[in-house]
Amino acid sequence: MVQWGNRFVKKSRSNFEQWNTIGAYKIKMPARPFLHLTEDDVEKMENTAEQYLKRILD
Protein backbone atom coordinates (compact mmCIF):
# COMPACT_ATOMS: atom_id res chain seq x y z
CA MET A 1 0.00 0.00 0.00
CA VAL A 2 1.42 3.35 -1.05
CA GLN A 3 0.56 6.34 1.12
CA TRP A 4 1.31 9.86 0.01
CA GLY A 5 1.55 12.82 2.36
CA ASN A 6 -0.08 13.17 5.71
CA ARG A 7 -3.62 12.21 6.66
CA PHE A 8 -4.18 15.51 8.46
CA VAL A 9 -3.37 19.08 7.48
CA LYS A 10 -0.64 20.98 9.23
CA LYS A 11 -1.68 22.98 12.27
CA SER A 12 -0.63 26.24 10.62
CA ARG A 13 -3.05 25.62 7.72
CA SER A 14 -5.98 24.19 9.65
CA ASN A 15 -7.26 27.17 11.64
CA PHE A 16 -9.21 29.27 9.13
CA GLU A 17 -12.79 29.98 8.17
CA GLN A 18 -14.40 30.91 4.90
CA TRP A 19 -17.77 32.42 3.94
CA ASN A 20 -19.64 31.40 0.82
CA THR A 21 -22.75 33.13 -0.43
CA ILE A 22 -25.25 31.55 -2.77
CA GLY A 23 -27.87 33.65 -4.49
CA ALA A 24 -31.59 33.05 -4.13
CA TYR A 25 -32.97 30.12 -6.07
CA LYS A 26 -36.18 28.12 -6.37
CA ILE A 27 -36.66 24.41 -6.01
CA LYS A 28 -39.37 22.77 -8.07
CA MET A 29 -40.68 19.70 -6.30
CA PRO A 30 -42.94 17.53 -8.44
CA ALA A 31 -46.16 16.04 -7.13
CA ARG A 32 -45.95 12.58 -5.57
CA PRO A 33 -48.68 10.55 -7.28
CA PHE A 34 -47.64 7.35 -5.50
CA LEU A 35 -48.80 8.78 -2.15
CA HIS A 36 -52.52 8.69 -2.73
CA LEU A 37 -54.46 8.97 0.53
CA THR A 38 -58.09 7.97 0.66
CA GLU A 39 -60.58 9.28 3.22
CA ASP A 40 -60.25 5.95 5.02
CA ASP A 41 -56.46 6.38 5.24
CA VAL A 42 -56.80 9.89 6.66
CA GLU A 43 -59.38 8.72 9.18
CA LYS A 44 -57.11 5.88 10.34
CA MET A 45 -54.19 8.29 10.77
CA GLU A 46 -56.35 10.70 12.77
CA ASN A 47 -57.59 7.87 15.02
CA THR A 48 -54.05 6.60 15.57
CA ALA A 49 -52.81 10.08 16.50
CA GLU A 50 -55.77 10.63 18.81
CA GLN A 51 -55.20 7.32 20.61
CA TYR A 52 -51.49 8.08 20.98
CA LEU A 53 -52.13 11.52 22.45
CA LYS A 54 -54.76 10.13 24.84
CA ARG A 55 -52.25 7.58 26.15
CA ILE A 56 -49.63 10.27 26.67
CA LEU A 57 -51.95 12.70 28.44
CA ASP A 58 -53.57 10.12 30.72
PDB file of N, CA and C in Angstrom:
ATOM      1  N   MET A   1       0.835  -1.172   0.000  1.00  0.00           N
ATOM      2  CA  MET A   1       0.000   0.000   0.000  1.00  0.00           C
ATOM      3  C   MET A   1       0.888   1.245   0.000  1.00  0.00           C
ATOM      4  N   VAL A   2       0.648   2.115  -0.949  1.00  0.00           N
ATOM      5  CA  VAL A   2       1.415   3.350  -1.047  1.00  0.00           C
ATOM      6  C   VAL A   2       0.615   4.468  -0.410  1.00  0.00           C
ATOM      7  N   GLN A   3       1.244   5.235   0.451  1.00  0.00           N
ATOM      8  CA  GLN A   3       0.564   6.335   1.124  1.00  0.00           C
ATOM      9  C   GLN A   3       1.350   7.614   0.869  1.00  0.00           C
ATOM     10  N   TRP A   4       0.663   8.603   0.340  1.00  0.00           N
ATOM     11  CA  TRP A   4       1.306   9.864   0.013  1.00  0.00           C
ATOM     12  C   TRP A   4       0.906  10.927   1.021  1.00  0.00           C
ATOM     13  N   GLY A   5       1.838  11.691   1.489  1.00  0.00           N
ATOM     14  CA  GLY A   5       1.550  12.825   2.358  1.00  0.00           C
ATOM     15  C   GLY A   5       1.064  12.416   3.735  1.00  0.00           C
ATOM     16  N   ASN A   6       0.410  13.360   4.357  1.00  0.00           N
ATOM     17  CA  ASN A   6      -0.079  13.168   5.710  1.00  0.00           C
ATOM     18  C   ASN A   6      -1.596  13.092   5.684  1.00  0.00           C
ATOM     19  N   ARG A   7      -2.166  12.361   6.602  1.00  0.00           N
ATOM     20  CA  ARG A   7      -3.616  12.209   6.656  1.00  0.00           C
ATOM     21  C   ARG A   7      -4.294  13.497   7.118  1.00  0.00           C
ATOM     22  N   PHE A   8      -3.631  14.276   7.925  1.00  0.00           N
ATOM     23  CA  PHE A   8      -4.185  15.512   8.465  1.00  0.00           C
ATOM     24  C   PHE A   8      -3.398  16.705   7.936  1.00  0.00           C
ATOM     25  N   VAL A   9      -4.062  17.864   7.919  1.00  0.00           N
ATOM     26  CA  VAL A   9      -3.366  19.078   7.475  1.00  0.00           C
ATOM     27  C   VAL A   9      -2.490  19.593   8.604  1.00  0.00           C
ATOM     28  N   LYS A  10      -1.521  20.398   8.226  1.00  0.00           N
ATOM     29  CA  LYS A  10      -0.635  20.980   9.227  1.00  0.00           C
ATOM     30  C   LYS A  10      -1.416  21.959  10.095  1.00  0.00           C
ATOM     31  N   LYS A  11      -0.996  22.099  11.324  1.00  0.00           N
ATOM     32  CA  LYS A  11      -1.681  22.976  12.268  1.00  0.00           C
ATOM     33  C   LYS A  11      -1.725  24.411  11.758  1.00  0.00           C
ATOM     34  N   SER A  12      -0.680  24.857  11.116  1.00  0.00           N
ATOM     35  CA  SER A  12      -0.632  26.237  10.624  1.00  0.00           C
ATOM     36  C   SER A  12      -1.641  26.490   9.506  1.00  0.00           C
ATOM     37  N   ARG A  13      -2.098  25.457   8.826  1.00  0.00           N
ATOM     38  CA  ARG A  13      -3.047  25.616   7.718  1.00  0.00           C
ATOM     39  C   ARG A  13      -4.473  25.232   8.099  1.00  0.00           C
ATOM     40  N   SER A  14      -4.671  24.741   9.309  1.00  0.00           N
ATOM     41  CA  SER A  14      -5.978  24.190   9.654  1.00  0.00           C
ATOM     42  C   SER A  14      -6.919  25.176  10.331  1.00  0.00           C
ATOM     43  N   ASN A  15      -6.420  26.265  10.870  1.00  0.00           N
ATOM     44  CA  ASN A  15      -7.257  27.173  11.636  1.00  0.00           C
ATOM     45  C   ASN A  15      -7.683  28.360  10.772  1.00  0.00           C
ATOM     46  N   PHE A  16      -8.686  28.177   9.951  1.00  0.00           N
ATOM     47  CA  PHE A  16      -9.205  29.273   9.133  1.00  0.00           C
ATOM     48  C   PHE A  16     -10.687  29.053   8.920  1.00  0.00           C
ATOM     49  N   GLU A  17     -11.374  30.102   8.516  1.00  0.00           N
ATOM     50  CA  GLU A  17     -12.786  29.977   8.169  1.00  0.00           C
ATOM     51  C   GLU A  17     -13.013  30.695   6.857  1.00  0.00           C
ATOM     52  N   GLN A  18     -14.115  30.360   6.220  1.00  0.00           N
ATOM     53  CA  GLN A  18     -14.398  30.906   4.899  1.00  0.00           C
ATOM     54  C   GLN A  18     -15.899  31.042   4.735  1.00  0.00           C
ATOM     55  N   TRP A  19     -16.355  32.180   4.203  1.00  0.00           N
ATOM     56  CA  TRP A  19     -17.769  32.421   3.938  1.00  0.00           C
ATOM     57  C   TRP A  19     -18.053  32.200   2.472  1.00  0.00           C
ATOM     58  N   ASN A  20     -19.173  31.564   2.187  1.00  0.00           N
ATOM     59  CA  ASN A  20     -19.640  31.396   0.816  1.00  0.00           C
ATOM     60  C   ASN A  20     -21.074  31.874   0.753  1.00  0.00           C
ATOM     61  N   THR A  21     -21.393  32.622  -0.271  1.00  0.00           N
ATOM     62  CA  THR A  21     -22.745  33.131  -0.429  1.00  0.00           C
ATOM     63  C   THR A  21     -23.330  32.580  -1.715  1.00  0.00           C
ATOM     64  N   ILE A  22     -24.548  32.075  -1.609  1.00  0.00           N
ATOM     65  CA  ILE A  22     -25.254  31.547  -2.772  1.00  0.00           C
ATOM     66  C   ILE A  22     -26.485  32.409  -2.971  1.00  0.00           C
ATOM     67  N   GLY A  23     -26.713  32.825  -4.193  1.00  0.00           N
ATOM     68  CA  GLY A  23     -27.874  33.653  -4.486  1.00  0.00           C
ATOM     69  C   GLY A  23     -29.180  32.896  -4.307  1.00  0.00           C
ATOM     70  N   ALA A  24     -30.270  33.657  -4.282  1.00  0.00           N
ATOM     71  CA  ALA A  24     -31.592  33.050  -4.125  1.00  0.00           C
ATOM     72  C   ALA A  24     -31.898  32.129  -5.304  1.00  0.00           C
ATOM     73  N   TYR A  25     -32.586  31.046  -5.021  1.00  0.00           N
ATOM     74  CA  TYR A  25     -32.973  30.117  -6.073  1.00  0.00           C
ATOM     75  C   TYR A  25     -34.253  29.407  -5.663  1.00  0.00           C
ATOM     76  N   LYS A  26     -34.928  28.834  -6.622  1.00  0.00           N
ATOM     77  CA  LYS A  26     -36.176  28.122  -6.366  1.00  0.00           C
ATOM     78  C   LYS A  26     -35.967  26.636  -6.601  1.00  0.00           C
ATOM     79  N   ILE A  27     -36.688  25.860  -5.840  1.00  0.00           N
ATOM     80  CA  ILE A  27     -36.665  24.411  -6.009  1.00  0.00           C
ATOM     81  C   ILE A  27     -38.047  23.984  -6.472  1.00  0.00           C
ATOM     82  N   LYS A  28     -38.096  23.274  -7.574  1.00  0.00           N
ATOM     83  CA  LYS A  28     -39.371  22.774  -8.070  1.00  0.00           C
ATOM     84  C   LYS A  28     -39.500  21.316  -7.643  1.00  0.00           C
ATOM     85  N   MET A  29     -40.474  21.053  -6.788  1.00  0.00           N
ATOM     86  CA  MET A  29     -40.684  19.704  -6.297  1.00  0.00           C
ATOM     87  C   MET A  29     -41.938  19.136  -6.958  1.00  0.00           C
ATOM     88  N   PRO A  30     -41.786  18.095  -7.741  1.00  0.00           N
ATOM     89  CA  PRO A  30     -42.941  17.535  -8.438  1.00  0.00           C
ATOM     90  C   PRO A  30     -43.916  16.847  -7.481  1.00  0.00           C
ATOM     91  N   ALA A  31     -45.134  16.722  -7.923  1.00  0.00           N
ATOM     92  CA  ALA A  31     -46.158  16.036  -7.131  1.00  0.00           C
ATOM     93  C   ALA A  31     -45.774  14.572  -6.951  1.00  0.00           C
ATOM     94  N   ARG A  32     -46.238  13.990  -5.865  1.00  0.00           N
ATOM     95  CA  ARG A  32     -45.947  12.584  -5.574  1.00  0.00           C
ATOM     96  C   ARG A  32     -47.213  11.761  -5.787  1.00  0.00           C
ATOM     97  N   PRO A  33     -47.446  11.286  -7.006  1.00  0.00           N
ATOM     98  CA  PRO A  33     -48.679  10.552  -7.281  1.00  0.00           C
ATOM     99  C   PRO A  33     -48.755   9.197  -6.570  1.00  0.00           C
ATOM    100  N   PHE A  34     -47.626   8.656  -6.147  1.00  0.00           N
ATOM    101  CA  PHE A  34     -47.641   7.351  -5.501  1.00  0.00           C
ATOM    102  C   PHE A  34     -48.182   7.428  -4.075  1.00  0.00           C
ATOM    103  N   LEU A  35     -48.296   8.625  -3.502  1.00  0.00           N
ATOM    104  CA  LEU A  35     -48.799   8.780  -2.147  1.00  0.00           C
ATOM    105  C   LEU A  35     -50.240   9.268  -2.213  1.00  0.00           C
ATOM    106  N   HIS A  36     -51.107   8.365  -2.598  1.00  0.00           N
ATOM    107  CA  HIS A  36     -52.525   8.692  -2.728  1.00  0.00           C
ATOM    108  C   HIS A  36     -53.230   8.273  -1.448  1.00  0.00           C
ATOM    109  N   LEU A  37     -53.766   9.259  -0.724  1.00  0.00           N
ATOM    110  CA  LEU A  37     -54.459   8.969   0.527  1.00  0.00           C
ATOM    111  C   LEU A  37     -55.958   9.036   0.311  1.00  0.00           C
ATOM    112  N   THR A  38     -56.627   7.987   0.735  1.00  0.00           N
ATOM    113  CA  THR A  38     -58.086   7.973   0.664  1.00  0.00           C
ATOM    114  C   THR A  38     -58.640   8.544   1.967  1.00  0.00           C
ATOM    115  N   GLU A  39     -59.935   8.792   1.995  1.00  0.00           N
ATOM    116  CA  GLU A  39     -60.575   9.279   3.218  1.00  0.00           C
ATOM    117  C   GLU A  39     -60.390   8.280   4.355  1.00  0.00           C
ATOM    118  N   ASP A  40     -60.444   7.001   4.020  1.00  0.00           N
ATOM    119  CA  ASP A  40     -60.253   5.953   5.023  1.00  0.00           C
ATOM    120  C   ASP A  40     -58.842   6.021   5.617  1.00  0.00           C
ATOM    121  N   ASP A  41     -57.839   6.254   4.762  1.00  0.00           N
ATOM    122  CA  ASP A  41     -56.458   6.379   5.236  1.00  0.00           C
ATOM    123  C   ASP A  41     -56.313   7.556   6.201  1.00  0.00           C
ATOM    124  N   VAL A  42     -56.882   8.690   5.823  1.00  0.00           N
ATOM    125  CA  VAL A  42     -56.798   9.890   6.661  1.00  0.00           C
ATOM    126  C   VAL A  42     -57.495   9.655   7.993  1.00  0.00           C
ATOM    127  N   GLU A  43     -58.638   9.008   7.955  1.00  0.00           N
ATOM    128  CA  GLU A  43     -59.381   8.722   9.184  1.00  0.00           C
ATOM    129  C   GLU A  43     -58.581   7.803  10.105  1.00  0.00           C
ATOM    130  N   LYS A  44     -57.934   6.793   9.535  1.00  0.00           N
ATOM    131  CA  LYS A  44     -57.115   5.882  10.342  1.00  0.00           C
ATOM    132  C   LYS A  44     -55.938   6.620  10.980  1.00  0.00           C
ATOM    133  N   MET A  45     -55.303   7.519  10.219  1.00  0.00           N
ATOM    134  CA  MET A  45     -54.186   8.289  10.771  1.00  0.00           C
ATOM    135  C   MET A  45     -54.653   9.201  11.902  1.00  0.00           C
ATOM    136  N   GLU A  46     -55.805   9.829  11.727  1.00  0.00           N
ATOM    137  CA  GLU A  46     -56.347  10.696  12.774  1.00  0.00           C
ATOM    138  C   GLU A  46     -56.664   9.901  14.030  1.00  0.00           C
ATOM    139  N   ASN A  47     -57.265   8.724  13.867  1.00  0.00           N
ATOM    140  CA  ASN A  47     -57.586   7.870  15.017  1.00  0.00           C
ATOM    141  C   ASN A  47     -56.323   7.411  15.734  1.00  0.00           C
ATOM    142  N   THR A  48     -55.313   7.046  14.973  1.00  0.00           N
ATOM    143  CA  THR A  48     -54.052   6.603  15.567  1.00  0.00           C
ATOM    144  C   THR A  48     -53.413   7.731  16.366  1.00  0.00           C
ATOM    145  N   ALA A  49     -53.384   8.930  15.796  1.00  0.00           N
ATOM    146  CA  ALA A  49     -52.806  10.078  16.495  1.00  0.00           C
ATOM    147  C   ALA A  49     -53.603  10.410  17.754  1.00  0.00           C
ATOM    148  N   GLU A  50     -54.915  10.339  17.655  1.00  0.00           N
ATOM    149  CA  GLU A  50     -55.771  10.634  18.806  1.00  0.00           C
ATOM    150  C   GLU A  50     -55.535   9.633  19.934  1.00  0.00           C
ATOM    151  N   GLN A  51     -55.453   8.347  19.598  1.00  0.00           N
ATOM    152  CA  GLN A  51     -55.201   7.316  20.609  1.00  0.00           C
ATOM    153  C   GLN A  51     -53.834   7.514  21.258  1.00  0.00           C
ATOM    154  N   TYR A  52     -52.845   7.851  20.462  1.00  0.00           N
ATOM    155  CA  TYR A  52     -51.495   8.076  20.978  1.00  0.00           C
ATOM    156  C   TYR A  52     -51.481   9.243  21.964  1.00  0.00           C
ATOM    157  N   LEU A  53     -52.110  10.346  21.574  1.00  0.00           N
ATOM    158  CA  LEU A  53     -52.135  11.519  22.448  1.00  0.00           C
ATOM    159  C   LEU A  53     -52.921  11.255  23.728  1.00  0.00           C
ATOM    160  N   LYS A  54     -53.993  10.479  23.641  1.00  0.00           N
ATOM    161  CA  LYS A  54     -54.757  10.133  24.839  1.00  0.00           C
ATOM    162  C   LYS A  54     -53.904   9.331  25.811  1.00  0.00           C
ATOM    163  N   ARG A  55     -53.113   8.385  25.286  1.00  0.00           N
ATOM    164  CA  ARG A  55     -52.248   7.578  26.148  1.00  0.00           C
ATOM    165  C   ARG A  55     -51.184   8.439  26.821  1.00  0.00           C
ATOM    166  N   ILE A  56     -50.667   9.413  26.096  1.00  0.00           N
ATOM    167  CA  ILE A  56     -49.628  10.272  26.668  1.00  0.00           C
ATOM    168  C   ILE A  56     -50.202  11.173  27.758  1.00  0.00           C
ATOM    169  N   LEU A  57     -51.369  11.737  27.508  1.00  0.00           N
ATOM    170  CA  LEU A  57     -51.947  12.704  28.437  1.00  0.00           C
ATOM    171  C   LEU A  57     -52.602  12.064  29.650  1.00  0.00           C
ATOM    172  N   ASP A  58     -52.933  10.797  29.574  1.00  0.00           N
ATOM    173  CA  ASP A  58     -53.574  10.121  30.721  1.00  0.00           C
ATOM    174  C   ASP A  58     -52.562   9.573  31.686  1.00  0.00           C
TER     175      ASP A  58
END
